[in-house]
Each structure stands twice: as C-alpha cells, then as structure tokens.
Protein backbone atom coordinates (compact mmCIF):
# COMPACT_ATOMS: atom_id res chain seq x y z
CA UNK A 1 51.50 9.74 9.91
CA UNK A 2 49.51 9.10 13.06
CA UNK A 3 49.71 7.39 16.42
CA UNK A 4 46.69 5.59 17.89
CA UNK A 5 45.82 3.30 14.99
CA UNK A 6 46.44 -0.35 14.12
CA UNK A 7 49.34 -1.02 11.77
CA UNK A 8 50.48 -4.23 10.03
CA UNK A 9 53.87 -5.37 11.29
CA UNK A 10 54.71 -8.50 9.30
CA UNK A 11 53.34 -11.73 7.89
CA UNK A 12 52.38 -14.03 10.77
CA UNK A 13 54.99 -16.62 9.80
CA UNK A 14 57.75 -14.00 9.93
CA UNK A 15 57.19 -13.42 13.65
CA UNK A 16 58.69 -16.36 15.54
CA UNK A 17 59.83 -17.47 18.97
CA UNK A 18 63.28 -18.29 17.59
CA UNK A 19 64.57 -14.98 16.27
CA UNK A 20 63.55 -11.34 16.73
CA UNK A 21 62.31 -9.46 13.66
CA UNK A 22 63.22 -5.82 13.04
CA UNK A 23 60.47 -3.72 11.48
CA UNK A 24 60.67 -0.08 10.44
CA UNK A 25 57.39 1.81 10.66
CA UNK A 26 56.44 5.48 11.02
CA UNK A 27 60.13 6.27 10.66
CA UNK A 28 60.98 4.26 13.80
CA UNK A 29 62.42 0.81 14.61
CA UNK A 30 60.38 -1.93 16.29
CA UNK A 31 61.10 -5.53 17.23
CA UNK A 32 58.58 -8.37 16.90
CA UNK A 33 58.77 -11.88 18.39
CA UNK A 34 56.59 -14.57 19.97
CA UNK A 35 56.63 -15.92 23.49
CA UNK A 36 56.54 -19.60 24.40
CA UNK A 37 52.74 -19.67 24.02
CA UNK A 38 52.97 -18.31 20.48
CA UNK A 39 51.58 -14.88 21.37
CA UNK A 40 53.14 -12.12 19.25
CA UNK A 41 54.75 -9.10 20.89
CA UNK A 42 55.93 -5.81 19.45
CA UNK A 43 58.33 -3.56 21.36
CA UNK A 44 60.35 -0.44 20.69
CA UNK A 45 63.64 -1.68 19.26
CA UNK A 46 65.94 0.26 21.61
CA UNK A 47 67.47 -1.14 24.76
CA UNK A 48 67.32 1.53 27.47
CA UNK A 49 70.77 0.58 28.79
CA UNK A 50 73.12 1.76 26.04
CA UNK A 51 70.88 1.91 22.98
CA UNK A 52 71.39 -1.62 21.68
CA UNK A 53 69.05 -2.96 19.01
CA UNK A 54 66.92 -5.75 20.49
CA UNK A 55 66.19 -7.09 17.02
CA UNK A 56 69.92 -7.74 16.53
CA UNK A 57 69.90 -10.09 19.52
CA UNK A 58 67.91 -13.25 20.10
CA UNK A 59 64.76 -14.64 21.73
CA UNK A 60 64.96 -17.04 24.68
CA UNK A 61 62.17 -18.08 27.00
CA UNK A 62 59.78 -15.63 25.38
CA UNK A 63 62.09 -12.66 25.99
CA UNK A 64 63.92 -10.37 23.59
CA UNK A 65 67.58 -10.26 24.62
CA UNK A 66 69.82 -7.33 23.81
CA UNK A 67 73.04 -8.45 22.05
CA UNK A 68 75.08 -5.65 23.65
CA UNK A 69 74.92 -6.56 27.36
CA UNK A 70 72.29 -9.29 27.58
CA UNK A 71 69.41 -7.34 29.12
CA UNK A 72 66.22 -9.39 28.77
CA UNK A 73 62.81 -7.86 28.01
CA UNK A 74 59.51 -9.72 28.24
CA UNK A 75 56.53 -9.13 25.98
CA UNK A 76 55.17 -6.41 28.27
CA UNK A 77 58.36 -4.39 27.76
CA UNK A 78 59.67 -4.88 31.29
CA UNK A 79 63.30 -5.82 31.81
CA UNK A 80 63.39 -9.17 33.61
CA UNK A 81 67.12 -9.80 33.85
CA UNK A 82 70.33 -7.76 33.87
CA UNK A 83 73.39 -10.03 33.86
CA UNK A 84 75.63 -7.38 35.41
CA UNK A 85 73.20 -6.89 38.33
CA UNK A 86 72.91 -10.46 39.57
CA UNK A 87 71.22 -10.39 42.95
CA UNK A 88 70.49 -6.67 42.77
CA UNK A 89 67.20 -4.92 42.08
CA UNK A 90 66.47 -4.10 38.45
CA UNK A 91 65.91 -0.33 38.01
CA UNK A 92 62.23 0.66 37.69
CA UNK A 93 63.06 2.59 34.53
CA UNK A 94 64.33 -0.55 32.81
CA UNK A 95 61.38 -0.86 30.43
CA UNK A 96 60.59 -0.21 26.80
CA UNK A 97 57.30 0.54 25.12
CA UNK A 98 55.20 -2.55 24.34
CA UNK A 99 52.13 -2.44 22.11
CA UNK A 100 48.83 -4.35 21.92
CA UNK A 101 48.91 -6.92 19.12
CA UNK A 102 46.51 -8.94 16.99
CA UNK A 103 47.26 -11.95 14.79
CA UNK A 104 44.65 -11.97 12.01
CA UNK A 105 44.43 -12.60 8.26
CA UNK A 106 47.96 -14.01 8.23
CA UNK A 107 49.29 -10.70 9.55
CA UNK A 108 50.60 -9.55 12.94
CA UNK A 109 49.23 -6.10 13.75
CA UNK A 110 50.19 -3.69 16.51
CA UNK A 111 48.27 -0.77 17.97
CA UNK A 112 50.84 2.00 17.93
CA UNK A 113 49.57 4.48 20.45
CA UNK A 114 48.71 5.03 24.09
CA UNK A 115 44.89 4.89 24.06
CA UNK A 116 43.17 2.48 26.47
CA UNK A 117 41.36 -0.46 24.85
CA UNK A 118 37.89 1.07 25.04
CA UNK A 119 38.98 4.19 23.15
CA UNK A 120 40.99 2.61 20.32
CA UNK A 121 39.88 2.84 16.71
CA UNK A 122 39.24 -0.73 15.54
CA UNK A 123 41.20 -3.06 13.34
CA UNK A 124 39.08 -3.71 10.24
CA UNK A 125 36.93 -6.83 10.51
CA UNK A 126 36.97 -8.97 7.35
CA UNK A 127 33.66 -10.72 8.00
CA UNK A 128 34.00 -13.26 5.17
CA UNK A 129 37.58 -14.26 6.00
CA UNK A 130 36.63 -17.58 7.66
CA UNK A 131 33.66 -18.22 5.33
CA UNK A 132 34.38 -21.41 3.29
CA UNK A 133 32.65 -19.87 0.27
CA UNK A 134 35.46 -17.29 0.08
CA UNK A 135 39.16 -17.77 -0.51
CA UNK A 136 41.97 -15.47 0.67
CA UNK A 137 45.42 -14.69 -0.69
CA UNK A 138 47.88 -12.36 1.01
CA UNK A 139 50.41 -10.26 -0.90
CA UNK A 140 53.01 -7.91 0.59
CA UNK A 141 54.09 -5.08 -1.70
CA UNK A 142 56.82 -2.50 -1.16
CA UNK A 143 55.90 0.90 -2.58
CA UNK A 144 58.21 3.88 -2.99
CA UNK A 145 55.43 6.36 -2.31
CA UNK A 146 53.76 8.05 0.67
CA UNK A 147 50.90 6.05 2.18
CA UNK A 148 48.35 8.90 1.96
CA UNK A 149 48.91 9.06 -1.80
CA UNK A 150 48.30 5.31 -1.99
CA UNK A 151 45.13 5.54 0.10
CA UNK A 152 43.78 8.35 -2.05
CA UNK A 153 44.50 6.36 -5.20
CA UNK A 154 42.32 3.55 -3.84
CA UNK A 155 39.51 6.03 -3.15
CA UNK A 156 39.59 7.46 -6.69
CA UNK A 157 36.91 6.05 -9.05
CA UNK A 158 37.98 8.18 -12.03
CA UNK A 159 41.54 6.91 -12.56
CA UNK A 160 40.49 3.35 -13.48
CA UNK A 161 39.73 4.04 -17.13
CA UNK A 162 43.21 5.52 -17.65
CA UNK A 163 45.39 3.40 -15.36
CA UNK A 164 43.83 -0.07 -15.35
CA UNK A 165 43.57 -1.83 -18.72
CA UNK A 166 44.07 -5.09 -16.82
CA UNK A 167 40.70 -4.47 -15.16
CA UNK A 168 39.12 -3.59 -18.50
CA UNK A 169 39.53 0.17 -17.97
CA UNK A 170 36.19 0.51 -16.12
CA UNK A 171 34.75 4.00 -16.42
CA UNK A 172 31.92 6.01 -14.96
CA UNK A 173 29.38 7.54 -17.28
CA UNK A 174 30.32 11.10 -18.20
CA UNK A 175 27.30 12.55 -16.41
CA UNK A 176 28.31 10.76 -13.21
CA UNK A 177 31.87 12.07 -13.46
CA UNK A 178 30.51 15.62 -13.37
CA UNK A 179 28.68 15.01 -10.09
CA UNK A 180 30.14 14.62 -6.58
CA UNK A 181 30.76 10.99 -5.70
CA UNK A 182 27.90 9.93 -3.37
CA UNK A 183 29.52 9.33 0.02
CA UNK A 184 28.46 7.58 3.20
CA UNK A 185 30.15 8.11 6.55
CA UNK A 186 31.11 4.99 8.50
CA UNK A 187 32.86 4.65 11.88
CA UNK A 188 36.33 6.15 11.47
CA UNK A 189 35.93 6.73 7.76
CA UNK A 190 33.77 7.14 4.63
CA UNK A 191 32.77 5.03 1.62
CA UNK A 192 31.19 4.98 -1.82
CA UNK A 193 29.72 2.28 -4.08
CA UNK A 194 29.06 2.92 -7.77
CA UNK A 195 27.90 1.29 -10.98
CA UNK A 196 30.56 1.38 -13.70
CA UNK A 197 29.32 1.43 -17.30
CA UNK A 198 30.65 0.00 -20.53
CA UNK A 199 31.52 -3.50 -21.74
CA UNK A 200 35.30 -3.18 -21.86
CA UNK A 201 35.79 -5.74 -19.13
CA UNK A 202 34.74 -8.52 -21.52
CA UNK A 203 38.36 -8.54 -22.73
CA UNK A 204 40.07 -8.87 -19.36
CA UNK A 205 42.24 -11.85 -18.45
CA UNK A 206 39.56 -13.52 -16.29
CA UNK A 207 36.56 -12.79 -18.53
CA UNK A 208 36.26 -16.43 -19.69
CA UNK A 209 35.64 -17.59 -16.10
CA UNK A 210 32.76 -15.24 -15.20
CA UNK A 211 29.30 -16.51 -14.36
CA UNK A 212 26.00 -14.87 -13.50
CA UNK A 213 24.32 -11.61 -14.44
CA UNK A 214 26.76 -8.77 -14.97
CA UNK A 215 26.82 -6.05 -12.29
CA UNK A 216 29.94 -4.00 -13.00
CA UNK A 217 29.74 -2.31 -9.61
CA UNK A 218 32.51 -1.38 -7.20
CA UNK A 219 33.08 0.62 -4.07
CA UNK A 220 35.93 1.74 -1.86
CA UNK A 221 36.18 2.97 1.69
CA UNK A 222 38.68 3.68 4.40
CA UNK A 223 38.73 3.01 8.12
CA UNK A 224 41.29 5.19 9.83
CA UNK A 225 44.17 6.66 7.83
CA UNK A 226 45.66 3.38 6.58
CA UNK A 227 42.99 0.69 6.15
CA UNK A 228 41.51 0.56 2.64
CA UNK A 229 38.67 -1.63 1.34
CA UNK A 230 37.64 -2.17 -2.28
CA UNK A 231 34.77 -4.41 -3.36
CA UNK A 232 34.60 -5.30 -7.04
CA UNK A 233 31.31 -7.03 -7.91
CA UNK A 234 31.70 -8.22 -11.48
CA UNK A 235 28.54 -10.34 -11.58
CA UNK A 236 25.92 -11.57 -9.13
CA UNK A 237 28.16 -14.58 -8.49
CA UNK A 238 31.72 -13.30 -8.97
CA UNK A 239 33.34 -10.77 -6.64
CA UNK A 240 36.73 -9.68 -5.39
CA UNK A 241 36.84 -8.11 -1.92
CA UNK A 242 40.19 -6.47 -1.36
CA UNK A 243 41.54 -5.26 1.98
CA UNK A 244 44.77 -3.30 2.08
CA UNK A 245 46.43 -2.54 5.40
CA UNK A 246 49.08 0.10 4.78
CA UNK A 247 52.26 0.38 6.82
CA UNK A 248 53.94 3.78 6.37
CA UNK A 249 57.62 2.91 6.60
CA UNK A 250 58.55 6.60 6.53
CA UNK A 251 57.50 9.77 4.72
CA UNK A 252 58.32 8.38 1.27
CA UNK A 253 57.84 4.61 1.37
CA UNK A 254 55.05 2.23 2.29
CA UNK A 255 54.54 -1.51 2.74
CA UNK A 256 51.15 -2.80 1.60
CA UNK A 257 49.57 -5.89 3.17
CA UNK A 258 46.97 -6.87 0.58
CA UNK A 259 44.32 -9.45 1.52
CA UNK A 260 42.57 -10.48 -1.70
CA UNK A 261 39.29 -12.35 -1.17
CA UNK A 262 37.31 -14.06 -3.93
CA UNK A 263 34.16 -16.20 -4.11
CA UNK A 264 34.97 -17.75 -7.49
CA UNK A 265 37.94 -19.56 -9.07
CA UNK A 266 38.14 -21.34 -5.74
CA UNK A 267 40.37 -24.24 -6.78
CA UNK A 268 44.05 -23.98 -5.85
CA UNK A 269 45.02 -24.24 -9.50
CA UNK A 270 43.70 -20.70 -10.02
CA UNK A 271 45.82 -19.10 -7.25
CA UNK A 272 48.80 -18.25 -9.44
CA UNK A 273 46.58 -16.88 -12.18
CA UNK A 274 44.60 -14.64 -9.82
CA UNK A 275 47.79 -13.46 -8.12
CA UNK A 276 49.42 -12.60 -11.43
CA UNK A 277 46.47 -10.56 -12.67
CA UNK A 278 46.00 -8.83 -9.30
CA UNK A 279 49.65 -7.85 -8.99
CA UNK A 280 49.72 -6.62 -12.58
CA UNK A 281 46.84 -4.28 -11.69
CA UNK A 282 48.78 -3.16 -8.59
CA UNK A 283 51.83 -2.44 -10.76
CA UNK A 284 49.68 -0.16 -12.92
CA UNK A 285 49.03 1.92 -9.78
CA UNK A 286 52.64 1.71 -8.63
CA UNK A 287 53.87 3.15 -11.92
CA UNK A 288 51.77 6.27 -11.25
CA UNK A 289 52.26 6.60 -7.49
CA UNK A 290 56.04 6.36 -7.54
CA UNK A 291 56.24 9.36 -9.86
CA UNK A 292 53.86 11.76 -8.11
CA UNK A 293 55.18 15.21 -7.34
CA UNK A 294 55.19 16.31 -4.61
CA UNK A 295 55.76 12.95 -2.95
CA UNK A 296 53.52 13.77 -0.02
CA UNK A 297 49.97 15.09 -0.05
CA UNK A 298 49.88 18.91 -0.21
CA UNK A 299 49.06 20.51 3.12
CA UNK A 300 46.21 22.47 1.51
CA UNK A 301 43.73 21.55 -1.23
CA UNK A 302 44.45 24.86 -2.95
CA UNK A 303 47.71 23.34 -4.21
CA UNK A 304 45.72 20.99 -6.44
CA UNK A 305 42.71 21.50 -8.70
CA UNK A 306 40.08 19.12 -7.36
CA UNK A 307 36.92 18.13 -9.27
CA UNK A 308 33.65 16.34 -8.34
CA UNK A 309 35.28 12.95 -9.00
CA UNK A 310 37.67 13.69 -6.12
CA UNK A 311 34.89 13.79 -3.52
CA UNK A 312 36.10 10.60 -1.78
CA UNK A 313 39.65 11.95 -1.65
CA UNK A 314 38.43 15.19 -0.09
CA UNK A 315 36.43 13.26 2.53
CA UNK A 316 39.52 11.24 3.39
CA UNK A 317 41.46 14.46 3.88
CA UNK A 318 38.62 15.79 6.06
CA UNK A 319 39.09 12.81 8.36
CA UNK A 320 42.85 13.36 8.46
CA UNK A 321 42.18 16.89 9.67
CA UNK A 322 39.96 15.46 12.37
CA UNK A 323 42.81 13.23 13.60
CA UNK A 324 45.12 16.24 13.33
CA UNK A 325 42.74 18.02 15.68
CA UNK A 326 43.10 15.19 18.20
CA UNK A 327 46.86 15.79 18.25
CA UNK A 328 47.67 12.37 16.80
CA UNK A 329 49.80 13.43 13.80
CA UNK A 330 53.53 12.83 14.21
CA UNK A 331 55.68 15.92 13.73
CA UNK A 332 57.91 14.08 11.29
CA UNK A 333 60.09 17.07 10.41
CA UNK A 334 61.04 17.65 14.05
CA UNK A 335 61.61 13.93 14.53
CA UNK A 336 63.96 13.80 11.53
CA UNK A 337 65.82 16.92 12.65
CA UNK A 338 66.59 15.29 16.00
CA UNK A 339 67.27 11.82 14.65
CA UNK A 340 70.63 10.52 15.83
CA UNK A 341 70.48 12.58 19.01
CA UNK A 342 67.26 11.28 20.55
CA UNK A 343 65.81 7.76 20.62
CA UNK A 344 62.14 8.42 19.88
CA UNK A 345 59.37 5.86 20.06
CA UNK A 346 55.58 5.70 19.91
CA UNK A 347 54.10 6.05 23.42
CA UNK A 348 52.38 2.85 24.54
CA UNK A 349 49.28 2.42 26.78
CA UNK A 350 51.43 1.64 29.83
CA UNK A 351 52.62 5.26 29.85
CA UNK A 352 49.15 6.24 31.07
CA UNK A 353 49.64 4.00 34.09
CA UNK A 354 53.22 4.80 35.07
CA UNK A 355 55.89 7.43 34.51
CA UNK A 356 59.67 7.43 34.62
CA UNK A 357 60.35 6.31 31.04
CA UNK A 358 63.73 6.50 29.31
CA UNK A 359 62.76 6.65 25.63
CA UNK A 360 61.29 9.93 24.38
CA UNK A 361 57.78 9.85 22.86
CA UNK A 362 57.61 11.05 19.27
CA UNK A 363 56.89 14.76 18.85
CA UNK A 364 53.30 15.41 17.81
CA UNK A 365 51.80 18.34 15.99
CA UNK A 366 49.54 20.42 18.26
CA UNK A 367 45.86 19.53 18.10
CA UNK A 368 42.74 21.68 18.18
CA UNK A 369 40.04 20.27 20.50
CA UNK A 370 37.42 22.56 18.97
CA UNK A 371 37.84 20.80 15.60
CA UNK A 372 37.57 17.21 16.86
CA UNK A 373 34.67 15.54 15.07
CA UNK A 374 34.58 18.22 12.39
CA UNK A 375 34.63 15.73 9.50
CA UNK A 376 31.36 14.14 10.52
CA UNK A 377 29.78 17.48 11.46
CA UNK A 378 30.63 18.89 8.02
CA UNK A 379 29.05 15.85 6.40
CA UNK A 380 25.85 16.26 8.42
CA UNK A 381 25.64 19.94 7.46
CA UNK A 382 26.01 19.09 3.77
CA UNK A 383 23.40 16.34 4.04
CA UNK A 384 20.99 18.73 5.71
CA UNK A 385 21.52 21.34 3.02
CA UNK A 386 20.78 18.77 0.33
C-alpha cells in the first residue's frame, strides 16, 4: 500500500455536514464531513488532545468536534476551539492531518500523501461521465482480498474464459495466448487492448439487446496502484466502460468503487438488469480472489510461474517497484507491530510547510532513488530491442 495517490473515501451522499463519517483505509482511521458550503473534508481520525475519535463526535459549523473534550477542528485540520482554554491561546501543535479532496463520479476522493499539487499523480478522468450519450451506475463492493490481487485480476485477459460465463467466457485465440500481451505505457501506468475470438457471447444475458457490427474487443489499464479501467466493446454501437477505484482497507480487505458506464440500454428500466448482470460477473471474480493463497502478492515473481499471458500483470508489478523506489510504500508490518502504542497517520501536504506535529507519520519502506523511473526505462529498452 502506498501514500501519494488518490483514494476513494465514500459515496458522495455518505459525506454530510450533519454527522462525521469514519472510514478505514490503508490500515488507518479517517473522518470525512462537509463544511457549510458543502465542500468535503477528510482528516486523520485522532484528536491530538487525548486520542479521541473525531468520527464518534459531531459536525457543527463546518467543524469536526471531538466527543471526548469538545475540541473543534476545521477542514484544514487546525483546532479552532478548546472549551477548557476559553480566552487562552490554542497550542500551535493542535492540528491533525487534512487531505486534498475531490467530489467526482458520485464519490468523495482524498489524496493521501504529502506531495504538493503540481507533483501529485492524477485522479483518473472519466471523459464520458457527463456525456448524455452515456449512462453511469455506481456500485460499492466489499472484497475480502488484497487490492493488488484485485488489480492484477482486472489486468488478466486469460482468466475470462474460465471465470466469466456471465460474459460469455470470452477467450483469446491460442496463438495469441502464447505471445506476450502487447502493452502500451501511459502516464502512471500501462494498458492493453485486444480482440477476443469466438461466438460464445451470443448466449449471454444481454445478447438480445445488442446492435451493430460485432467487435468483441476489450482492454484494461491501470493508473497508479489502485485505479483500474476496463473497456468492453461488444459491437460498434454497444460498449461498457468500467472504472474501478480501489480502496485498500488493510492488507487483506478492499472496498471497490465501481463506476459502470454504458452507451446502450439507456432507459432507466434497464438499470436493475444491467446491475444484476454486472454484479454477477463481479461475484465470479470474488469467488476466486477471496481464496487466493498467499493473500498478498508474492514479493518476488520467482514465487509464481508466470507466462506470456501475464505480461500486463508483470508490467503492473514493474510500476509498483518504481513507486517502491520513490519510498512511497507503507511499511505495514512495522505499523501493525506498533499499533496500539502509536497513533500513525498519512502525512499531509501541510507537513511540508510546518513542523511540530503530534501524530506520527506512517513508517515507509526505504526507497532507492537510482531505480525511480525504472518501469518506463525497462519498457523503452524492450521496445528498442524489438
């Protein structure tokens, strides 16, 4: 798990100005609420007075109020009122980490890291989201599996024929399965797009609604460690564009925020039908992912036998190593060992502007500056060799 990326916090309607919302993410507690203007805020969920949980308190005047002694924190994380210090100066250290937020696609996101705005990896832009020729549905799915395993599943074109009868068990031609998946590097990630053969999809649940010349093409890509895109182009007129923003709750569970876009079956009467079929396909994946052993991705590829069809998975792991090199990976083992003794949190951008903080930043695995950018360099070397 990494700092310095955008993470989904909750559905937009769950974050209100009336009551704070507790969210667990990256093995840590956060509190989300809105101010009087409706702007969402996400803070570390630990009062720096005596460790009270801000999410167990209430929101008043756009501030999160600790239920233990009434300390009030505004959306920027600064303590604005201490009832027991009426008329006295509030200590400069009375502040908690506050994170940049975005309210898009029916989801509140937070940038969990300390990078300044100009250096932050982006939140994925769903270009067709506001296009009236496309329709969106949002599903939130709890998964008892590690997020990297889920991401890799979405980047795997070979598993479909075995795992997804609800999609018609789409398969690649045998000769294509023997070759490396053709990959393209994109900012903060990599992608592929392939033609799937066979006519099995004629028997799927939505086959009777298809129109236009059959394409049978699909592609998947990732941006950052937790943003997954899959385009399924069934015909020239009928497509599903799926965007999954993954929230690693901890090292063994994940919450998926699934934005499902379609340019057909646009009438509201089809919503339940599309949702049912989509979630049945998701359950096919869940049944596999929740039984993987080991739970987390092996630390070295030598602990698995990888084949050409795993090219996209290997590229994803290459990028993870690049973010390891930047020193962004959380040292989760150390954090768990010290849990209960230390109140850790993700460092926020304000820590680059001021010191004297109470909460400890999460421990990070050491980086390797010489390896930063290695994923893209390796790809360029391979392209040159070809």
